[in-house]
Amino acid sequence: MKKNILILFVCFVYFSAFGGNEQRVGQAGGTQLLINPWARSSGWGLSNSASIRGLEAQFANVAGLAFTNSTELVLSRTNWLSSGGGMSVGNINSFGFSQKVGESGVLAMGIMTLNFGDIDITTVDLPEGGIGSFSPSFSNIGISYAKEFSNSIYGGFTLRVISERISNVSSGGMAFDAGIQYVTGDNDRVKFGVALRNVGPRLMFKGDGLSFRGWVNNDDYTMTLEQRSEGYELPSLLNIGLSYDILPAQFHRITTAATFTSNAFQKDLYRFGFEYSFRDMFMFRSGYVLEPESSLDNSTFLKGPTAGFTIEVPLGGTKFGLDYSYRHSDPFQGSHSFGLRIDL
């Protein structure tokens, strides 16, 4: 037991010391893949990558999907980056379901869409608009499979389709996630997890918005000129997490968690959190995302305190759960997420 904990601690410190690439901040695209669309795990500040369970594990560490007992349905809506007065940068809608297959496998699908509302179309000649509007939209769809390999080892992978679109320019591609969780200790109180996320080929924007008509040959005639956009890489990262149940009692449970996120295109992040649970019916959680100081002031606004709660009611063999979370952000006034969960 002590030897296992020592090994996990050494791994955590090793990756904390050698991960990250501050010089590449801002060079990645597809940053929608860094937004957690789910209400329960975002209350942790995503510090629970080692202990996350069920469908929401598809985002943090897909290995936790293997703990699905039968069927799980989750709906979530996020008021993304509130600016006061009921206004926000956009709204995130997400839906997913997971289904146990066979004795130890689980299949799942999750859909996330990010909408920014209507934006006026402007041109050089009409800078005030008045010629219509367009609605930018980001979305991604993940298909996952996870499996219980033994009583202590769980693993899984996700294939994700990505789409980003405005009126006349779009980009799309695929990304791959993989994760593993290890459970040990008395009553499975110690949990360790590693997840690699957002691995995929370089993507590029295409569309009519990158072309224009210009005069050639001393203004004798016009022709369409098409510009090629520069390719961009996905915001790949590595999550390494550790979780421990301090009070795994029948009616009360206190779980602490920490995750180190090694980012390829921004500074590394340290995530800490805890959760108190009473009879697995009422749960309160809180977290903190820390970005260490360096030569850069900030590389992300997705940091600071987080909090949330869950009310879960069993009805026969079915559980209904309501989730809420708040995420601090600077600038803006944070993000609020609301979720509905059904376990069949």
Protein backbone atom coordinates (compact mmCIF):
# COMPACT_ATOMS: atom_id res chain seq x y z
CA MET A 1 0.00 0.00 0.00
CA LYS A 2 2.65 2.56 1.03
CA LYS A 3 4.85 1.50 -1.88
CA ASN A 4 2.02 2.10 -4.36
CA ILE A 5 1.36 5.58 -2.99
CA LEU A 6 5.07 6.42 -3.17
CA ILE A 7 5.25 5.36 -6.83
CA LEU A 8 2.20 7.49 -7.68
CA PHE A 9 3.68 10.49 -5.87
CA VAL A 10 7.01 10.17 -7.72
CA CYS A 11 5.18 10.03 -11.08
CA PHE A 12 3.16 13.11 -10.17
CA VAL A 13 6.27 15.11 -9.25
CA TYR A 14 8.18 13.93 -12.34
CA PHE A 15 5.58 15.11 -14.83
CA SER A 16 5.05 18.33 -12.86
CA ALA A 17 8.73 19.16 -13.24
CA PHE A 18 9.18 18.34 -16.94
CA GLY A 19 5.77 18.96 -18.60
CA GLY A 20 4.47 21.95 -20.51
CA ASN A 21 5.63 24.26 -23.27
CA GLU A 22 5.23 27.93 -22.42
CA GLN A 23 6.88 29.11 -25.67
CA ARG A 24 3.96 27.72 -27.75
CA VAL A 25 1.17 29.59 -25.97
CA GLY A 26 -1.55 30.69 -28.39
CA GLN A 27 -0.37 28.55 -31.32
CA ALA A 28 -3.11 25.88 -31.11
CA GLY A 29 -6.64 25.93 -32.51
CA GLY A 30 -9.72 23.93 -31.65
CA THR A 31 -9.67 25.31 -28.10
CA GLN A 32 -13.33 24.29 -27.67
CA LEU A 33 -11.80 20.93 -26.74
CA LEU A 34 -10.53 22.52 -23.50
CA ILE A 35 -14.04 23.45 -22.33
CA ASN A 36 -15.69 20.98 -19.99
CA PRO A 37 -19.41 20.96 -20.95
CA TRP A 38 -20.60 18.92 -17.94
CA ALA A 39 -21.98 20.38 -14.72
CA ARG A 40 -20.80 17.85 -12.12
CA SER A 41 -17.10 17.49 -12.96
CA SER A 42 -16.66 21.22 -13.65
CA GLY A 43 -17.54 21.87 -9.99
CA TRP A 44 -14.37 19.96 -9.13
CA GLY A 45 -12.30 22.20 -11.41
CA LEU A 46 -11.60 18.89 -13.19
CA SER A 47 -9.29 17.87 -10.34
CA ASN A 48 -11.04 14.47 -10.14
CA SER A 49 -9.55 12.91 -13.27
CA ALA A 50 -8.48 9.89 -11.19
CA SER A 51 -11.87 9.29 -9.55
CA ILE A 52 -14.36 10.57 -12.13
CA ARG A 53 -17.09 8.07 -12.94
CA GLY A 54 -19.75 7.61 -15.62
CA LEU A 55 -20.42 9.55 -18.79
CA GLU A 56 -18.65 12.75 -17.70
CA ALA A 57 -15.39 10.79 -17.68
CA GLN A 58 -15.50 11.05 -21.48
CA PHE A 59 -14.05 14.56 -21.10
CA ALA A 60 -11.53 14.20 -18.24
CA ASN A 61 -10.40 10.56 -18.27
CA VAL A 62 -12.39 8.15 -20.42
CA ALA A 63 -11.33 5.18 -18.26
CA GLY A 64 -13.92 6.26 -15.65
CA LEU A 65 -16.64 5.44 -18.17
CA ALA A 66 -16.06 1.75 -17.36
CA PHE A 67 -17.82 2.25 -13.99
CA THR A 68 -21.22 2.70 -15.69
CA ASN A 69 -23.55 0.14 -14.12
CA SER A 70 -26.21 -0.06 -16.82
CA THR A 71 -27.46 3.00 -18.74
CA GLU A 72 -26.77 6.68 -18.07
CA LEU A 73 -28.29 9.77 -19.73
CA VAL A 74 -26.94 13.28 -19.10
CA LEU A 75 -28.12 16.71 -20.28
CA SER A 76 -26.25 19.91 -19.53
CA ARG A 77 -26.47 23.61 -20.37
CA THR A 78 -23.78 26.18 -19.62
CA ASN A 79 -24.08 29.95 -19.62
CA TRP A 80 -20.53 30.45 -20.90
CA LEU A 81 -18.60 33.51 -19.64
CA SER A 82 -21.34 35.67 -18.19
CA SER A 83 -21.04 39.43 -18.68
CA GLY A 84 -23.89 40.52 -16.40
CA GLY A 85 -27.50 41.35 -17.05
CA GLY A 86 -28.25 37.84 -18.26
CA MET A 87 -25.77 38.20 -21.12
CA SER A 88 -22.94 35.80 -21.95
CA VAL A 89 -20.39 35.09 -24.66
CA GLY A 90 -22.28 31.96 -25.68
CA ASN A 91 -24.30 28.96 -24.57
CA ILE A 92 -23.06 25.39 -24.43
CA ASN A 93 -25.56 22.56 -24.85
CA SER A 94 -24.43 18.99 -24.32
CA PHE A 95 -26.05 15.58 -24.32
CA GLY A 96 -24.69 12.10 -23.89
CA PHE A 97 -25.52 8.54 -23.01
CA SER A 98 -23.55 5.47 -22.00
CA GLN A 99 -24.54 1.82 -22.12
CA LYS A 100 -22.92 -1.22 -20.54
CA VAL A 101 -22.17 -3.93 -23.11
CA GLY A 102 -21.18 -7.42 -22.10
CA GLU A 103 -19.73 -8.08 -18.66
CA SER A 104 -17.06 -5.38 -18.54
CA GLY A 105 -17.40 -3.01 -21.52
CA VAL A 106 -19.19 0.34 -21.88
CA LEU A 107 -20.07 2.30 -25.03
CA ALA A 108 -20.87 6.01 -24.94
CA MET A 109 -21.59 9.00 -27.14
CA GLY A 110 -21.37 12.67 -26.14
CA ILE A 111 -22.37 15.76 -28.15
CA MET A 112 -21.34 19.33 -27.35
CA THR A 113 -22.41 22.47 -29.23
CA LEU A 114 -21.29 26.04 -28.54
CA ASN A 115 -23.43 28.83 -30.00
CA PHE A 116 -22.60 32.55 -30.02
CA GLY A 117 -25.89 33.99 -31.29
CA ASP A 118 -26.34 36.21 -34.36
CA ILE A 119 -23.56 38.57 -35.51
CA ASP A 120 -24.11 41.30 -38.10
CA ILE A 121 -22.36 40.91 -41.44
CA THR A 122 -20.18 43.92 -42.24
CA THR A 123 -18.03 44.89 -45.21
CA VAL A 124 -15.58 47.66 -46.03
CA ASP A 125 -18.37 49.57 -47.78
CA LEU A 126 -20.98 48.77 -45.10
CA PRO A 127 -19.15 48.83 -41.74
CA GLU A 128 -22.43 49.27 -39.85
CA GLY A 129 -23.97 46.10 -41.29
CA GLY A 130 -27.60 45.98 -42.34
CA ILE A 131 -27.07 43.20 -44.89
CA GLY A 132 -27.87 40.22 -42.71
CA SER A 133 -26.23 38.21 -39.97
CA PHE A 134 -24.47 34.90 -39.37
CA SER A 135 -24.26 32.50 -36.43
CA PRO A 136 -20.86 30.98 -35.59
CA SER A 137 -21.03 27.51 -34.08
CA PHE A 138 -18.55 25.04 -32.62
CA SER A 139 -19.39 21.39 -32.03
CA ASN A 140 -17.78 18.04 -31.35
CA ILE A 141 -19.11 14.50 -31.11
CA GLY A 142 -17.26 11.83 -29.15
CA ILE A 143 -17.67 8.05 -29.42
CA SER A 144 -16.05 6.16 -26.55
CA TYR A 145 -15.38 2.65 -25.36
CA ALA A 146 -14.10 1.72 -21.90
CA LYS A 147 -13.41 -1.62 -20.25
CA GLU A 148 -12.72 -3.08 -16.83
CA PHE A 149 -9.55 -5.14 -17.26
CA SER A 150 -9.37 -6.26 -13.62
CA ASN A 151 -10.68 -5.26 -10.20
CA SER A 152 -8.13 -2.44 -10.10
CA ILE A 153 -7.34 -1.47 -13.73
CA TYR A 154 -9.72 0.36 -16.08
CA GLY A 155 -9.03 1.85 -19.50
CA GLY A 156 -10.73 3.43 -22.49
CA PHE A 157 -10.45 5.59 -25.60
CA THR A 158 -12.50 8.23 -27.44
CA LEU A 159 -12.69 9.19 -31.10
CA ARG A 160 -13.94 12.74 -31.48
CA VAL A 161 -15.20 14.59 -34.58
CA ILE A 162 -14.63 18.38 -34.45
CA SER A 163 -16.39 21.14 -36.38
CA GLU A 164 -15.98 24.96 -36.32
CA ARG A 165 -18.01 27.11 -38.68
CA ILE A 166 -19.02 30.67 -39.54
CA SER A 167 -21.03 31.80 -42.59
CA ASN A 168 -18.41 31.15 -45.27
CA VAL A 169 -15.41 29.50 -43.57
CA SER A 170 -15.25 26.18 -41.75
CA SER A 171 -12.81 23.70 -40.32
CA GLY A 172 -13.18 20.10 -39.20
CA GLY A 173 -11.24 17.03 -38.28
CA MET A 174 -10.78 14.26 -35.74
CA ALA A 175 -9.06 13.86 -32.38
CA PHE A 176 -8.21 10.90 -30.16
CA ASP A 177 -8.29 10.52 -26.35
CA ALA A 178 -7.11 7.64 -24.18
CA GLY A 179 -7.04 7.08 -20.44
CA ILE A 180 -6.38 4.61 -17.67
CA GLN A 181 -7.34 4.46 -13.98
CA TYR A 182 -5.84 2.36 -11.21
CA VAL A 183 -7.69 1.65 -7.93
CA THR A 184 -5.97 0.34 -4.82
CA GLY A 185 -5.89 0.53 -1.00
CA ASP A 186 -8.38 -0.50 1.66
CA ASN A 187 -11.93 -0.29 0.28
CA ASP A 188 -10.46 1.14 -2.95
CA ARG A 189 -9.72 4.45 -1.22
CA VAL A 190 -6.73 5.36 -3.43
CA LYS A 191 -7.21 6.12 -7.13
CA PHE A 192 -4.68 7.08 -9.78
CA GLY A 193 -5.38 8.15 -13.34
CA VAL A 194 -3.55 9.19 -16.51
CA ALA A 195 -5.31 10.58 -19.59
CA LEU A 196 -3.95 11.78 -22.93
CA ARG A 197 -6.34 14.11 -24.75
CA ASN A 198 -6.79 15.94 -28.06
CA VAL A 199 -4.26 14.06 -30.15
CA GLY A 200 -4.79 14.44 -33.89
CA PRO A 201 -3.50 15.77 -37.22
CA ARG A 202 -3.12 19.44 -38.14
CA LEU A 203 -6.36 21.08 -39.30
CA MET A 204 -7.05 23.96 -41.67
CA PHE A 205 -9.85 26.43 -42.40
CA LYS A 206 -11.46 26.39 -45.84
CA GLY A 207 -14.33 28.16 -47.60
CA ASP A 208 -15.43 31.03 -49.81
CA GLY A 209 -14.51 33.51 -47.12
CA LEU A 210 -10.85 32.93 -47.95
CA SER A 211 -11.28 33.93 -51.62
CA PHE A 212 -11.94 37.24 -53.38
CA ARG A 213 -12.23 38.63 -56.90
CA GLY A 214 -9.44 40.90 -58.11
CA TRP A 215 -8.45 42.76 -61.27
CA VAL A 216 -5.52 41.38 -63.28
CA ASN A 217 -3.57 42.30 -66.42
CA ASN A 218 -3.94 46.08 -66.03
CA ASP A 219 -7.59 45.77 -65.01
CA ASP A 220 -8.58 43.95 -68.20
CA TYR A 221 -10.59 41.30 -66.38
CA THR A 222 -11.25 39.85 -62.95
CA MET A 223 -10.60 36.43 -61.51
CA THR A 224 -11.17 34.69 -58.20
CA LEU A 225 -8.13 34.39 -55.97
CA GLU A 226 -8.14 31.80 -53.21
CA GLN A 227 -5.98 32.12 -50.11
CA ARG A 228 -4.79 29.16 -48.09
CA SER A 229 -5.07 29.38 -44.35
CA GLU A 230 -2.22 28.30 -42.11
CA GLY A 231 -2.78 24.90 -40.52
CA TYR A 232 -3.18 24.62 -36.78
CA GLU A 233 -2.59 21.91 -34.21
CA LEU A 234 -5.02 20.65 -31.59
CA PRO A 235 -4.51 21.63 -27.90
CA SER A 236 -3.14 18.28 -26.76
CA LEU A 237 -2.58 17.71 -23.05
CA LEU A 238 -1.82 15.08 -20.42
CA ASN A 239 -3.80 14.75 -17.17
CA ILE A 240 -2.20 12.96 -14.21
CA GLY A 241 -4.47 12.63 -11.20
CA LEU A 242 -4.54 11.23 -7.69
CA SER A 243 -7.59 10.83 -5.43
CA TYR A 244 -8.08 9.64 -1.85
CA ASP A 245 -11.22 8.94 0.20
CA ILE A 246 -10.57 10.36 3.66
CA LEU A 247 -13.92 9.32 5.12
CA PRO A 248 -15.43 6.40 3.18
CA ALA A 249 -18.25 5.76 5.66
CA GLN A 250 -21.72 4.38 4.96
CA PHE A 251 -23.54 7.70 5.26
CA HIS A 252 -20.74 10.26 4.86
CA ARG A 253 -17.90 10.44 2.35
CA ILE A 254 -15.11 12.98 1.91
CA THR A 255 -12.95 12.66 -1.20
CA THR A 256 -9.89 14.76 -2.01
CA ALA A 257 -8.33 14.96 -5.45
CA ALA A 258 -5.49 16.61 -7.35
CA THR A 259 -4.64 16.65 -11.05
CA PHE A 260 -1.62 17.99 -12.90
CA THR A 261 -2.39 19.09 -16.47
CA SER A 262 0.60 19.22 -18.80
CA ASN A 263 -0.39 21.38 -21.77
CA ALA A 264 1.42 21.37 -25.10
CA PHE A 265 0.32 24.90 -26.02
CA GLN A 266 0.01 26.82 -22.77
CA LYS A 267 1.34 26.84 -19.24
CA ASP A 268 0.73 23.79 -17.07
CA LEU A 269 -2.13 23.80 -14.57
CA TYR A 270 -2.51 22.39 -11.07
CA ARG A 271 -6.01 21.37 -10.02
CA PHE A 272 -7.17 20.66 -6.47
CA GLY A 273 -10.61 19.71 -5.17
CA PHE A 274 -12.73 17.88 -2.64
CA GLU A 275 -16.27 16.51 -2.35
CA TYR A 276 -18.51 15.81 0.61
CA SER A 277 -21.34 13.32 0.11
CA PHE A 278 -24.24 12.39 2.39
CA ARG A 279 -25.81 9.02 1.56
CA ASP A 280 -24.85 9.62 -2.09
CA MET A 281 -27.97 11.78 -2.28
CA PHE A 282 -26.56 15.23 -1.57
CA MET A 283 -23.04 16.14 -2.70
CA PHE A 284 -21.12 19.38 -2.37
CA ARG A 285 -17.81 19.92 -4.14
CA SER A 286 -15.26 22.65 -4.67
CA GLY A 287 -12.01 23.06 -6.55
CA TYR A 288 -9.26 25.43 -7.54
CA VAL A 289 -7.30 25.65 -10.80
CA LEU A 290 -3.84 27.15 -10.32
CA GLU A 291 -1.63 28.56 -13.08
CA PRO A 292 1.93 29.10 -11.76
CA GLU A 293 3.60 32.45 -12.28
CA SER A 294 6.15 32.76 -15.07
CA SER A 295 7.29 35.17 -17.76
CA LEU A 296 3.72 35.16 -19.11
CA ASP A 297 0.99 36.84 -17.10
CA ASN A 298 -1.78 34.48 -18.25
CA SER A 299 -2.22 31.75 -20.80
CA THR A 300 -5.82 30.85 -19.91
CA PHE A 301 -8.85 32.34 -18.19
CA LEU A 302 -10.03 28.84 -17.18
CA LYS A 303 -8.56 29.04 -13.69
CA GLY A 304 -9.44 30.08 -10.17
CA PRO A 305 -12.11 28.72 -7.78
CA THR A 306 -14.94 26.40 -8.75
CA ALA A 307 -17.87 24.96 -6.79
CA GLY A 308 -20.99 22.92 -7.29
CA PHE A 309 -23.53 20.55 -5.79
CA THR A 310 -25.66 17.56 -6.74
CA ILE A 311 -29.04 16.36 -5.51
CA GLU A 312 -29.71 12.75 -6.48
CA VAL A 313 -32.97 10.96 -5.75
CA PRO A 314 -33.46 7.19 -6.15
CA LEU A 315 -36.86 6.08 -7.45
CA GLY A 316 -37.07 2.32 -7.59
CA GLY A 317 -34.16 1.13 -9.71
CA THR A 318 -33.68 4.57 -11.32
CA LYS A 319 -31.75 7.59 -10.05
CA PHE A 320 -32.54 11.18 -11.00
CA GLY A 321 -29.86 13.78 -10.37
CA LEU A 322 -29.66 17.59 -10.64
CA ASP A 323 -26.21 19.15 -10.95
CA TYR A 324 -24.99 22.74 -10.72
CA SER A 325 -21.52 24.27 -10.93
CA TYR A 326 -19.86 27.68 -11.04
CA ARG A 327 -16.48 28.42 -12.63
CA HIS A 328 -14.62 31.64 -11.96
CA SER A 329 -13.07 33.50 -14.88
CA ASP A 330 -11.08 36.70 -15.30
CA PRO A 331 -12.20 38.58 -17.34
CA PHE A 332 -16.00 38.10 -17.38
CA GLN A 333 -18.14 37.00 -14.46
CA GLY A 334 -17.72 33.25 -14.56
CA SER A 335 -19.72 30.41 -16.07
CA HIS A 336 -22.79 28.61 -14.70
CA SER A 337 -23.65 25.03 -15.63
CA PHE A 338 -26.88 23.10 -15.00
CA GLY A 339 -27.24 19.37 -15.56
CA LEU A 340 -29.84 16.60 -15.46
CA ARG A 341 -28.76 12.98 -14.95
CA ILE A 342 -30.72 9.74 -15.22
CA ASP A 343 -29.24 6.37 -14.20
CA LEU A 344 -31.33 3.42 -15.36
